[in-house]
N, C-alpha and C. Protein backbone atom coordinates (compact mmCIF):
# COMPACT_ATOMS: atom_id res chain seq x y z
N MET A 1 -6.87 4.26 -16.38
CA MET A 1 -5.73 4.26 -15.73
C MET A 1 -4.98 3.12 -16.18
N SER A 2 -3.28 3.17 -16.00
CA SER A 2 -2.68 2.29 -16.47
C SER A 2 -2.26 1.41 -15.27
N GLN A 3 -2.00 0.29 -15.21
CA GLN A 3 -1.71 -0.52 -14.03
C GLN A 3 -0.26 0.60 -13.42
N ARG A 4 0.84 0.91 -14.03
CA ARG A 4 1.81 1.79 -13.84
C ARG A 4 0.59 3.15 -13.11
N GLU A 5 0.02 3.44 -13.26
CA GLU A 5 -0.68 5.26 -12.42
C GLU A 5 -1.46 4.54 -11.54
N ARG A 6 -1.92 3.20 -11.67
CA ARG A 6 -2.63 2.51 -10.26
C ARG A 6 -1.59 2.62 -9.56
N ALA A 7 -0.79 2.03 -9.63
CA ALA A 7 0.45 1.91 -8.19
C ALA A 7 1.18 2.67 -8.03
N ILE A 8 1.47 3.82 -8.75
CA ILE A 8 2.00 4.98 -8.21
C ILE A 8 0.33 5.95 -7.13
N ALA A 9 -0.86 5.70 -7.54
CA ALA A 9 -2.04 6.65 -6.53
C ALA A 9 -1.83 5.39 -5.68
N LEU A 10 -1.91 4.26 -5.89
CA LEU A 10 -1.99 3.47 -4.36
C LEU A 10 -0.94 3.75 -3.47
N GLY A 11 0.09 3.97 -3.92
CA GLY A 11 1.58 3.91 -3.36
C GLY A 11 1.62 5.29 -2.34
N ALA A 12 0.88 6.22 -3.25
CA ALA A 12 0.74 7.89 -2.04
C ALA A 12 -0.46 7.54 -1.32
N ALA A 13 -1.18 6.99 -0.97
CA ALA A 13 -2.31 6.54 -0.32
C ALA A 13 -1.61 6.44 0.87
N ILE A 14 -1.47 5.01 0.59
CA ILE A 14 -0.74 4.13 1.70
C ILE A 14 0.49 5.02 2.37
N ARG A 15 0.87 5.90 1.53
CA ARG A 15 2.05 6.75 2.07
C ARG A 15 1.52 7.56 2.96
N GLU A 16 1.01 8.34 2.68
CA GLU A 16 0.19 9.43 3.26
C GLU A 16 -0.93 8.77 4.68
N ALA A 17 -1.31 7.83 4.44
CA ALA A 17 -1.51 6.85 5.65
C ALA A 17 -0.57 7.04 6.78
N ARG A 18 0.37 6.09 5.86
CA ARG A 18 1.68 5.79 7.15
C ARG A 18 1.77 7.03 7.48
N GLU A 19 2.09 8.16 6.91
CA GLU A 19 2.67 9.16 7.47
C GLU A 19 1.86 9.86 8.52
N LYS A 20 0.53 9.93 8.48
CA LYS A 20 -0.58 10.44 9.35
C LYS A 20 -0.37 9.27 10.53
N ALA A 21 -0.24 8.14 10.57
CA ALA A 21 -0.32 7.29 11.76
C ALA A 21 1.22 7.43 12.06
N GLY A 22 1.83 8.23 11.88
CA GLY A 22 3.27 8.63 12.63
C GLY A 22 4.16 7.37 12.53
N LEU A 23 4.01 6.26 11.54
CA LEU A 23 4.44 5.11 11.81
C LEU A 23 6.22 5.26 10.50
N SER A 24 7.00 5.01 10.67
CA SER A 24 8.03 4.24 9.73
C SER A 24 7.83 3.17 8.94
N GLN A 25 8.31 3.34 7.61
CA GLN A 25 8.59 2.61 6.58
C GLN A 25 8.49 1.05 7.11
N GLU A 26 9.58 0.57 7.90
CA GLU A 26 10.27 -0.22 8.39
C GLU A 26 9.09 -0.71 9.59
N GLU A 27 8.66 -0.13 10.44
CA GLU A 27 7.38 -0.44 11.32
C GLU A 27 5.98 -0.95 10.28
N VAL A 28 5.83 -0.58 9.62
CA VAL A 28 4.56 -0.87 8.95
C VAL A 28 4.99 -2.36 8.05
N ALA A 29 6.11 -2.37 7.21
CA ALA A 29 6.36 -3.81 6.85
C ALA A 29 6.93 -4.42 7.75
N ARG A 30 7.24 -4.33 9.25
CA ARG A 30 7.20 -5.90 10.01
C ARG A 30 6.07 -5.91 11.04
N ARG A 31 4.91 -5.00 10.74
CA ARG A 31 3.64 -5.25 11.38
C ARG A 31 2.68 -6.24 10.17
N VAL A 32 2.99 -6.02 8.81
CA VAL A 32 2.18 -6.71 7.60
C VAL A 32 2.97 -7.93 7.16
N ASP A 33 3.59 -7.84 8.08
CA ASP A 33 4.40 -8.96 7.60
C ASP A 33 5.42 -8.88 6.10
N LEU A 34 5.95 -7.72 5.85
CA LEU A 34 6.33 -7.68 4.23
C LEU A 34 8.30 -7.66 4.56
N PRO A 35 9.18 -7.53 3.95
CA PRO A 35 10.34 -6.88 3.79
C PRO A 35 10.33 -5.73 3.79
N PRO A 36 11.00 -5.19 4.46
CA PRO A 36 10.87 -3.32 4.17
C PRO A 36 11.41 -3.16 2.86
N MET A 37 11.97 -3.62 1.85
CA MET A 37 12.29 -3.08 0.73
C MET A 37 10.93 -3.39 -0.42
N SER A 38 10.09 -4.12 0.22
CA SER A 38 8.97 -4.61 -0.92
C SER A 38 7.94 -3.74 -0.11
N TYR A 39 7.94 -3.32 0.88
CA TYR A 39 6.90 -2.21 1.72
C TYR A 39 7.09 -0.92 0.53
N GLY A 40 8.57 -0.50 0.68
CA GLY A 40 9.11 0.71 0.13
C GLY A 40 8.74 0.30 -1.45
N SER A 41 8.97 -0.44 -2.09
CA SER A 41 8.20 -0.52 -4.03
C SER A 41 6.87 0.02 -3.57
N ILE A 42 6.58 -0.99 -2.59
CA ILE A 42 4.56 -0.45 -2.77
C ILE A 42 4.33 0.72 -2.81
N GLU A 43 5.07 1.50 -2.02
CA GLU A 43 4.78 3.49 -1.47
C GLU A 43 5.32 4.03 -2.49
N ARG A 44 6.51 3.39 -3.00
CA ARG A 44 6.43 4.14 -4.83
C ARG A 44 6.35 3.93 -5.96
N GLY A 45 5.40 3.18 -5.53
CA GLY A 45 4.55 2.67 -6.83
C GLY A 45 5.20 1.94 -7.55
N ARG A 46 6.18 0.81 -7.63
CA ARG A 46 7.19 0.50 -8.34
C ARG A 46 6.44 -1.24 -7.80
N LEU A 47 5.67 -1.57 -6.93
CA LEU A 47 5.15 -2.63 -7.08
C LEU A 47 3.32 -2.78 -6.53
N LEU A 48 2.76 -3.58 -7.40
CA LEU A 48 1.25 -3.55 -6.78
C LEU A 48 1.33 -4.67 -5.32
N PRO A 49 0.58 -4.72 -4.37
CA PRO A 49 0.49 -5.50 -3.33
C PRO A 49 -0.69 -6.62 -3.57
N SER A 50 -0.50 -7.38 -3.46
CA SER A 50 -1.19 -8.95 -3.89
C SER A 50 -2.62 -8.42 -3.07
N VAL A 51 -3.73 -8.90 -2.99
CA VAL A 51 -4.91 -8.90 -2.26
C VAL A 51 -4.74 -8.91 -0.82
N SER A 52 -4.59 -10.03 -0.21
CA SER A 52 -3.74 -10.10 0.98
C SER A 52 -2.93 -9.04 1.78
N THR A 53 -2.31 -8.79 0.77
CA THR A 53 -1.27 -7.67 1.70
C THR A 53 -2.05 -6.46 1.56
N LEU A 54 -2.55 -6.10 0.49
CA LEU A 54 -3.49 -4.57 0.63
C LEU A 54 -4.65 -4.53 1.74
N THR A 55 -5.39 -5.86 1.85
CA THR A 55 -6.32 -6.14 2.96
C THR A 55 -5.43 -5.34 4.57
N ARG A 56 -4.34 -6.32 4.56
CA ARG A 56 -3.41 -5.93 5.80
C ARG A 56 -2.72 -4.81 5.56
N LEU A 57 -2.94 -4.25 5.04
CA LEU A 57 -2.27 -2.58 4.87
C LEU A 57 -3.39 -1.51 5.19
N CYS A 58 -4.84 -1.91 4.58
CA CYS A 58 -5.72 -0.90 5.08
C CYS A 58 -6.14 -1.49 6.72
N VAL A 59 -6.35 -2.51 6.87
CA VAL A 59 -7.01 -2.74 8.16
C VAL A 59 -5.65 -2.02 9.15
N MET A 60 -4.16 -2.06 9.09
CA MET A 60 -3.50 -1.88 10.17
C MET A 60 -3.17 -0.16 9.97
N LEU A 61 -3.40 0.50 9.10
CA LEU A 61 -3.28 1.25 8.24
C LEU A 61 -4.79 2.52 8.38
N LYS A 62 -5.62 1.82 9.06
CA LYS A 62 -7.23 2.25 9.13
C LYS A 62 -7.92 3.03 7.65
N ILE A 63 -7.23 2.19 6.28
CA ILE A 63 -7.62 3.07 5.21
C ILE A 63 -8.48 2.76 5.03
N ASP A 64 -9.81 2.88 4.59
CA ASP A 64 -10.86 2.42 3.73
C ASP A 64 -10.74 2.24 2.72
N PRO A 65 -10.90 1.00 1.93
CA PRO A 65 -10.41 0.71 0.28
C PRO A 65 -11.60 1.11 -0.33
N ASP A 66 -12.52 1.60 -0.10
CA ASP A 66 -13.43 2.44 -1.02
C ASP A 66 -12.84 3.98 -0.67
N ASN A 67 -12.03 4.15 -0.32
CA ASN A 67 -11.45 5.64 -0.72
C ASN A 67 -9.76 5.39 -1.51
N LEU A 68 -9.39 3.91 -2.06
CA LEU A 68 -8.56 4.04 -2.68
C LEU A 68 -8.54 4.25 -4.39
N PRO A 69 -7.40 4.45 -4.97
CA PRO A 69 -8.01 4.54 -6.42
C PRO A 69 -8.51 3.17 -6.89
N ASP A 70 -8.55 3.22 -8.09
CA ASP A 70 -9.44 1.96 -8.80
C ASP A 70 -8.47 0.69 -8.93
N LEU A 71 -8.67 -0.18 -8.34
CA LEU A 71 -7.50 -1.44 -8.28
C LEU A 71 -7.99 -2.62 -8.95
N GLN A 72 -8.81 -2.51 -9.87
CA GLN A 72 -9.27 -3.57 -10.91
C GLN A 72 -8.27 -4.74 -11.48
N ASP A 73 -7.00 -4.17 -11.71
CA ASP A 73 -6.20 -5.13 -12.26
C ASP A 73 -4.98 -5.63 -10.81
N VAL A 74 -5.36 -5.30 -9.90
CA VAL A 74 -4.35 -5.90 -8.54
C VAL A 74 -4.60 -7.19 -8.75
N ARG A 75 -3.33 -7.96 -8.60
CA ARG A 75 -3.17 -9.78 -8.88
C ARG A 75 -3.48 -9.88 -7.43
N ASP A 76 -3.85 -11.03 -7.14
CA ASP A 76 -4.34 -12.44 -6.17
C ASP A 76 -3.11 -12.53 -5.82
């Protein structure tokens, strides 16, 4: 899987969890201390989050990291 494909798959998983939680992009961005534009780019698969950002998103959205797409190339 290419880095772009990983970013798209990860973004879709995060968007699904956000929608399931009934939250807006702006609310999630605020809660994990990200600019809304950056968070939107993550959901659209245009930006891979750092490990620390991904960790905050998983905790906030109650995502099990083991259920996320293969992320071996995510930057620190």
